[in-house]
Amino acid sequence: MEQFIAGFHAEYGRDPDSAFNAMGWDTIQVIAQGIAKAGTTDGAALAKALEGTEFDLRSGKLVWSDAASGHFPDKEAFIVEVKDGKPTFVKRTKPSWTPEV
């Protein structure tokens, strides 16, 4: 994450203002890797390429389920504690249960 923050600062002259900056970066990485794997930008081919692929992202690991399962994202999350205005990494976690979609 430090590398991401440094790169963001170099590009925009400021630190990211929320975790959503990293989430946006991750979204682009997933799409780019999916296009590379599919060899096309066709939506159906891209969706198929994402199925079962494990992505090691800035915001945690992500695996997409297949179409029959609803392309459900199985995603871990980071727990961050903020003390005196500074974020501190606590742990990575992934729910053992998620509600039915």
N, C-alpha and C. Protein backbone atom coordinates (compact mmCIF):
# COMPACT_ATOMS: atom_id res chain seq x y z
N MET A 1 0.83 -1.19 0.00
CA MET A 1 0.00 0.00 0.00
C MET A 1 0.88 1.26 0.00
N GLU A 2 2.02 1.19 0.67
CA GLU A 2 2.92 2.35 0.68
C GLU A 2 3.35 2.73 -0.74
N GLN A 3 3.59 1.72 -1.57
CA GLN A 3 3.98 1.97 -2.96
C GLN A 3 2.83 2.64 -3.72
N PHE A 4 1.60 2.20 -3.47
CA PHE A 4 0.44 2.81 -4.11
C PHE A 4 0.31 4.27 -3.69
N ILE A 5 0.44 4.54 -2.40
CA ILE A 5 0.31 5.91 -1.89
C ILE A 5 1.40 6.80 -2.49
N ALA A 6 2.63 6.29 -2.54
CA ALA A 6 3.73 7.07 -3.12
C ALA A 6 3.47 7.36 -4.60
N GLY A 7 3.00 6.37 -5.34
CA GLY A 7 2.70 6.56 -6.75
C GLY A 7 1.56 7.53 -6.97
N PHE A 8 0.53 7.44 -6.12
CA PHE A 8 -0.61 8.34 -6.20
C PHE A 8 -0.14 9.77 -5.94
N HIS A 9 0.70 9.93 -4.91
CA HIS A 9 1.21 11.25 -4.55
C HIS A 9 2.06 11.83 -5.69
N ALA A 10 2.89 10.99 -6.30
CA ALA A 10 3.72 11.45 -7.41
C ALA A 10 2.86 11.90 -8.60
N GLU A 11 1.77 11.19 -8.85
CA GLU A 11 0.90 11.51 -9.99
C GLU A 11 0.02 12.73 -9.75
N TYR A 12 -0.53 12.84 -8.53
CA TYR A 12 -1.54 13.88 -8.26
C TYR A 12 -1.09 14.97 -7.28
N GLY A 13 0.13 14.84 -6.73
CA GLY A 13 0.64 15.87 -5.83
C GLY A 13 -0.01 15.88 -4.46
N ARG A 14 -0.70 14.80 -4.13
CA ARG A 14 -1.34 14.69 -2.81
C ARG A 14 -1.53 13.21 -2.47
N ASP A 15 -1.78 12.92 -1.21
CA ASP A 15 -2.07 11.56 -0.81
C ASP A 15 -3.52 11.23 -1.16
N PRO A 16 -3.84 9.94 -1.34
CA PRO A 16 -5.23 9.56 -1.58
C PRO A 16 -6.10 10.02 -0.41
N ASP A 17 -7.33 10.42 -0.72
CA ASP A 17 -8.19 10.93 0.35
C ASP A 17 -9.11 9.87 0.93
N SER A 18 -9.11 8.67 0.33
CA SER A 18 -9.91 7.59 0.91
C SER A 18 -9.43 6.25 0.36
N ALA A 19 -9.94 5.17 0.93
CA ALA A 19 -9.62 3.83 0.46
C ALA A 19 -10.19 3.57 -0.93
N PHE A 20 -11.16 4.37 -1.34
CA PHE A 20 -11.79 4.17 -2.64
C PHE A 20 -10.82 4.43 -3.79
N ASN A 21 -9.76 5.21 -3.55
CA ASN A 21 -8.75 5.40 -4.59
C ASN A 21 -8.08 4.07 -4.91
N ALA A 22 -7.73 3.32 -3.89
CA ALA A 22 -7.12 2.00 -4.09
C ALA A 22 -8.13 1.02 -4.69
N MET A 23 -9.38 1.10 -4.28
CA MET A 23 -10.41 0.21 -4.83
C MET A 23 -10.60 0.48 -6.32
N GLY A 24 -10.55 1.74 -6.72
CA GLY A 24 -10.65 2.07 -8.14
C GLY A 24 -9.48 1.49 -8.91
N TRP A 25 -8.29 1.60 -8.34
CA TRP A 25 -7.09 1.02 -8.95
C TRP A 25 -7.28 -0.48 -9.12
N ASP A 26 -7.76 -1.14 -8.08
CA ASP A 26 -7.99 -2.58 -8.14
C ASP A 26 -9.00 -2.95 -9.22
N THR A 27 -10.04 -2.16 -9.36
CA THR A 27 -11.05 -2.43 -10.38
C THR A 27 -10.43 -2.42 -11.77
N ILE A 28 -9.59 -1.43 -12.03
CA ILE A 28 -8.92 -1.34 -13.33
C ILE A 28 -7.98 -2.53 -13.53
N GLN A 29 -7.29 -2.96 -12.49
CA GLN A 29 -6.39 -4.10 -12.59
C GLN A 29 -7.16 -5.38 -12.93
N VAL A 30 -8.31 -5.58 -12.30
CA VAL A 30 -9.14 -6.76 -12.58
C VAL A 30 -9.59 -6.75 -14.04
N ILE A 31 -10.07 -5.61 -14.49
CA ILE A 31 -10.53 -5.51 -15.88
C ILE A 31 -9.37 -5.74 -16.85
N ALA A 32 -8.23 -5.13 -16.59
CA ALA A 32 -7.07 -5.29 -17.47
C ALA A 32 -6.60 -6.75 -17.51
N GLN A 33 -6.54 -7.41 -16.36
CA GLN A 33 -6.12 -8.81 -16.33
C GLN A 33 -7.16 -9.70 -17.02
N GLY A 34 -8.43 -9.37 -16.85
CA GLY A 34 -9.49 -10.13 -17.51
C GLY A 34 -9.41 -10.01 -19.03
N ILE A 35 -9.17 -8.79 -19.51
CA ILE A 35 -9.04 -8.57 -20.96
C ILE A 35 -7.83 -9.33 -21.49
N ALA A 36 -6.72 -9.28 -20.74
CA ALA A 36 -5.52 -10.00 -21.18
C ALA A 36 -5.79 -11.51 -21.24
N LYS A 37 -6.49 -12.03 -20.25
CA LYS A 37 -6.79 -13.46 -20.21
C LYS A 37 -7.78 -13.84 -21.31
N ALA A 38 -8.80 -13.02 -21.54
CA ALA A 38 -9.82 -13.30 -22.55
C ALA A 38 -9.30 -13.04 -23.96
N GLY A 39 -8.35 -12.12 -24.08
CA GLY A 39 -7.85 -11.76 -25.40
C GLY A 39 -8.80 -10.87 -26.18
N THR A 40 -9.78 -10.30 -25.47
CA THR A 40 -10.78 -9.45 -26.12
C THR A 40 -11.45 -8.57 -25.06
N THR A 41 -12.16 -7.55 -25.52
CA THR A 41 -12.95 -6.72 -24.61
C THR A 41 -14.43 -7.10 -24.65
N ASP A 42 -14.76 -8.16 -25.38
CA ASP A 42 -16.14 -8.63 -25.44
C ASP A 42 -16.64 -8.97 -24.04
N GLY A 43 -17.79 -8.43 -23.66
CA GLY A 43 -18.32 -8.58 -22.31
C GLY A 43 -18.49 -10.01 -21.86
N ALA A 44 -19.07 -10.86 -22.70
CA ALA A 44 -19.30 -12.27 -22.33
C ALA A 44 -17.97 -13.00 -22.15
N ALA A 45 -17.03 -12.76 -23.05
CA ALA A 45 -15.72 -13.41 -22.96
C ALA A 45 -14.96 -12.91 -21.72
N LEU A 46 -15.08 -11.62 -21.45
CA LEU A 46 -14.43 -11.04 -20.28
C LEU A 46 -15.01 -11.64 -19.00
N ALA A 47 -16.33 -11.72 -18.91
CA ALA A 47 -16.97 -12.30 -17.72
C ALA A 47 -16.51 -13.74 -17.52
N LYS A 48 -16.43 -14.50 -18.59
CA LYS A 48 -15.98 -15.91 -18.51
C LYS A 48 -14.53 -15.97 -18.05
N ALA A 49 -13.69 -15.07 -18.54
CA ALA A 49 -12.28 -15.06 -18.15
C ALA A 49 -12.09 -14.73 -16.67
N LEU A 50 -12.99 -13.95 -16.11
CA LEU A 50 -12.88 -13.57 -14.70
C LEU A 50 -13.27 -14.72 -13.76
N GLU A 51 -14.10 -15.63 -14.24
CA GLU A 51 -14.60 -16.72 -13.40
C GLU A 51 -13.45 -17.56 -12.85
N GLY A 52 -13.42 -17.69 -11.53
CA GLY A 52 -12.44 -18.54 -10.88
C GLY A 52 -11.03 -17.98 -10.83
N THR A 53 -10.81 -16.83 -11.41
CA THR A 53 -9.48 -16.22 -11.40
C THR A 53 -9.24 -15.58 -10.04
N GLU A 54 -8.06 -15.84 -9.46
CA GLU A 54 -7.71 -15.20 -8.19
C GLU A 54 -6.88 -13.96 -8.49
N PHE A 55 -7.32 -12.85 -7.96
CA PHE A 55 -6.63 -11.58 -8.12
C PHE A 55 -6.02 -11.19 -6.78
N ASP A 56 -4.73 -10.87 -6.77
CA ASP A 56 -4.06 -10.40 -5.57
C ASP A 56 -3.96 -8.89 -5.69
N LEU A 57 -4.92 -8.20 -5.08
CA LEU A 57 -5.09 -6.76 -5.26
C LEU A 57 -4.56 -5.97 -4.08
N ARG A 58 -4.46 -4.66 -4.25
CA ARG A 58 -4.05 -3.78 -3.15
C ARG A 58 -5.01 -3.90 -1.96
N SER A 59 -6.29 -4.15 -2.27
CA SER A 59 -7.30 -4.21 -1.22
C SER A 59 -7.61 -5.64 -0.78
N GLY A 60 -6.81 -6.60 -1.18
CA GLY A 60 -7.00 -7.99 -0.75
C GLY A 60 -7.21 -8.93 -1.91
N LYS A 61 -7.27 -10.20 -1.60
CA LYS A 61 -7.47 -11.22 -2.63
C LYS A 61 -8.94 -11.29 -3.03
N LEU A 62 -9.18 -11.57 -4.32
CA LEU A 62 -10.53 -11.62 -4.87
C LEU A 62 -10.62 -12.79 -5.83
N VAL A 63 -11.71 -13.56 -5.72
CA VAL A 63 -12.03 -14.62 -6.68
C VAL A 63 -13.48 -14.43 -7.06
N TRP A 64 -13.77 -14.45 -8.39
CA TRP A 64 -15.14 -14.33 -8.87
C TRP A 64 -15.72 -15.71 -9.10
N SER A 65 -16.96 -15.90 -8.68
CA SER A 65 -17.63 -17.17 -8.94
C SER A 65 -18.10 -17.23 -10.39
N ASP A 66 -18.63 -18.37 -10.78
CA ASP A 66 -19.11 -18.54 -12.15
C ASP A 66 -20.48 -17.89 -12.34
N ALA A 67 -20.97 -17.89 -13.58
CA ALA A 67 -22.25 -17.25 -13.89
C ALA A 67 -23.41 -17.92 -13.15
N ALA A 68 -23.36 -19.24 -13.02
CA ALA A 68 -24.44 -19.96 -12.33
C ALA A 68 -24.56 -19.53 -10.88
N SER A 69 -23.46 -19.09 -10.30
CA SER A 69 -23.45 -18.61 -8.91
C SER A 69 -23.66 -17.11 -8.82
N GLY A 70 -23.85 -16.46 -9.95
CA GLY A 70 -24.13 -15.03 -9.95
C GLY A 70 -22.92 -14.13 -10.04
N HIS A 71 -21.76 -14.69 -10.45
CA HIS A 71 -20.51 -13.92 -10.49
C HIS A 71 -20.26 -13.21 -9.16
N PHE A 72 -20.50 -13.90 -8.09
CA PHE A 72 -20.33 -13.38 -6.74
C PHE A 72 -18.84 -13.15 -6.44
N PRO A 73 -18.46 -11.96 -5.98
CA PRO A 73 -17.05 -11.73 -5.64
C PRO A 73 -16.75 -12.27 -4.24
N ASP A 74 -15.81 -13.17 -4.15
CA ASP A 74 -15.34 -13.71 -2.87
C ASP A 74 -14.09 -12.91 -2.53
N LYS A 75 -14.22 -11.97 -1.60
CA LYS A 75 -13.20 -10.95 -1.38
C LYS A 75 -12.79 -10.85 0.08
N GLU A 76 -11.50 -10.80 0.32
CA GLU A 76 -11.03 -10.52 1.66
C GLU A 76 -10.95 -9.00 1.85
N ALA A 77 -10.83 -8.60 3.08
CA ALA A 77 -10.77 -7.17 3.39
C ALA A 77 -9.65 -6.92 4.40
N PHE A 78 -9.22 -5.70 4.46
CA PHE A 78 -8.22 -5.30 5.43
C PHE A 78 -8.92 -4.54 6.55
N ILE A 79 -8.51 -4.82 7.74
CA ILE A 79 -8.99 -4.07 8.90
C ILE A 79 -7.90 -3.04 9.22
N VAL A 80 -8.31 -1.80 9.25
CA VAL A 80 -7.38 -0.70 9.51
C VAL A 80 -7.90 0.10 10.69
N GLU A 81 -7.02 0.42 11.60
CA GLU A 81 -7.36 1.24 12.76
C GLU A 81 -6.75 2.62 12.56
N VAL A 82 -7.51 3.64 12.88
CA VAL A 82 -7.00 5.00 12.76
C VAL A 82 -6.73 5.54 14.17
N LYS A 83 -5.47 5.89 14.42
CA LYS A 83 -5.06 6.46 15.70
C LYS A 83 -4.38 7.79 15.42
N ASP A 84 -4.83 8.82 16.09
CA ASP A 84 -4.25 10.15 15.91
C ASP A 84 -4.20 10.56 14.44
N GLY A 85 -5.25 10.17 13.70
CA GLY A 85 -5.35 10.55 12.30
C GLY A 85 -4.51 9.73 11.34
N LYS A 86 -3.82 8.70 11.84
CA LYS A 86 -2.96 7.88 10.99
C LYS A 86 -3.51 6.46 10.93
N PRO A 87 -3.70 5.94 9.69
CA PRO A 87 -4.19 4.56 9.56
C PRO A 87 -3.09 3.54 9.87
N THR A 88 -3.47 2.48 10.57
CA THR A 88 -2.55 1.40 10.91
C THR A 88 -3.18 0.07 10.53
N PHE A 89 -2.46 -0.72 9.76
CA PHE A 89 -2.95 -2.04 9.36
C PHE A 89 -3.10 -2.92 10.59
N VAL A 90 -4.24 -3.63 10.69
CA VAL A 90 -4.48 -4.55 11.79
C VAL A 90 -4.39 -5.99 11.29
N LYS A 91 -5.22 -6.35 10.29
CA LYS A 91 -5.16 -7.71 9.77
C LYS A 91 -5.94 -7.81 8.46
N ARG A 92 -5.71 -8.90 7.75
CA ARG A 92 -6.50 -9.28 6.58
C ARG A 92 -7.53 -10.27 7.07
N THR A 93 -8.75 -10.20 6.54
CA THR A 93 -9.79 -11.12 6.95
C THR A 93 -10.75 -11.38 5.80
N LYS A 94 -11.39 -12.52 5.84
CA LYS A 94 -12.39 -12.84 4.84
C LYS A 94 -13.55 -13.50 5.59
N PRO A 95 -14.77 -13.03 5.39
CA PRO A 95 -15.89 -13.64 6.09
C PRO A 95 -16.01 -15.11 5.75
N SER A 96 -16.36 -15.90 6.74
CA SER A 96 -16.57 -17.34 6.49
C SER A 96 -17.99 -17.58 5.97
N TRP A 97 -18.84 -16.58 6.07
CA TRP A 97 -20.22 -16.69 5.62
C TRP A 97 -20.65 -15.37 5.00
N THR A 98 -21.38 -15.44 3.92
CA THR A 98 -21.98 -14.24 3.33
C THR A 98 -23.45 -14.53 3.05
N PRO A 99 -24.28 -13.52 3.07
CA PRO A 99 -25.72 -13.74 2.84
C PRO A 99 -26.00 -14.17 1.41
N GLU A 100 -27.09 -14.89 1.23
CA GLU A 100 -27.53 -15.27 -0.10
C GLU A 100 -27.86 -14.02 -0.90
N VAL A 101 -27.57 -14.06 -2.18
CA VAL A 101 -27.83 -12.91 -3.05
C VAL A 101 -29.21 -13.04 -3.65
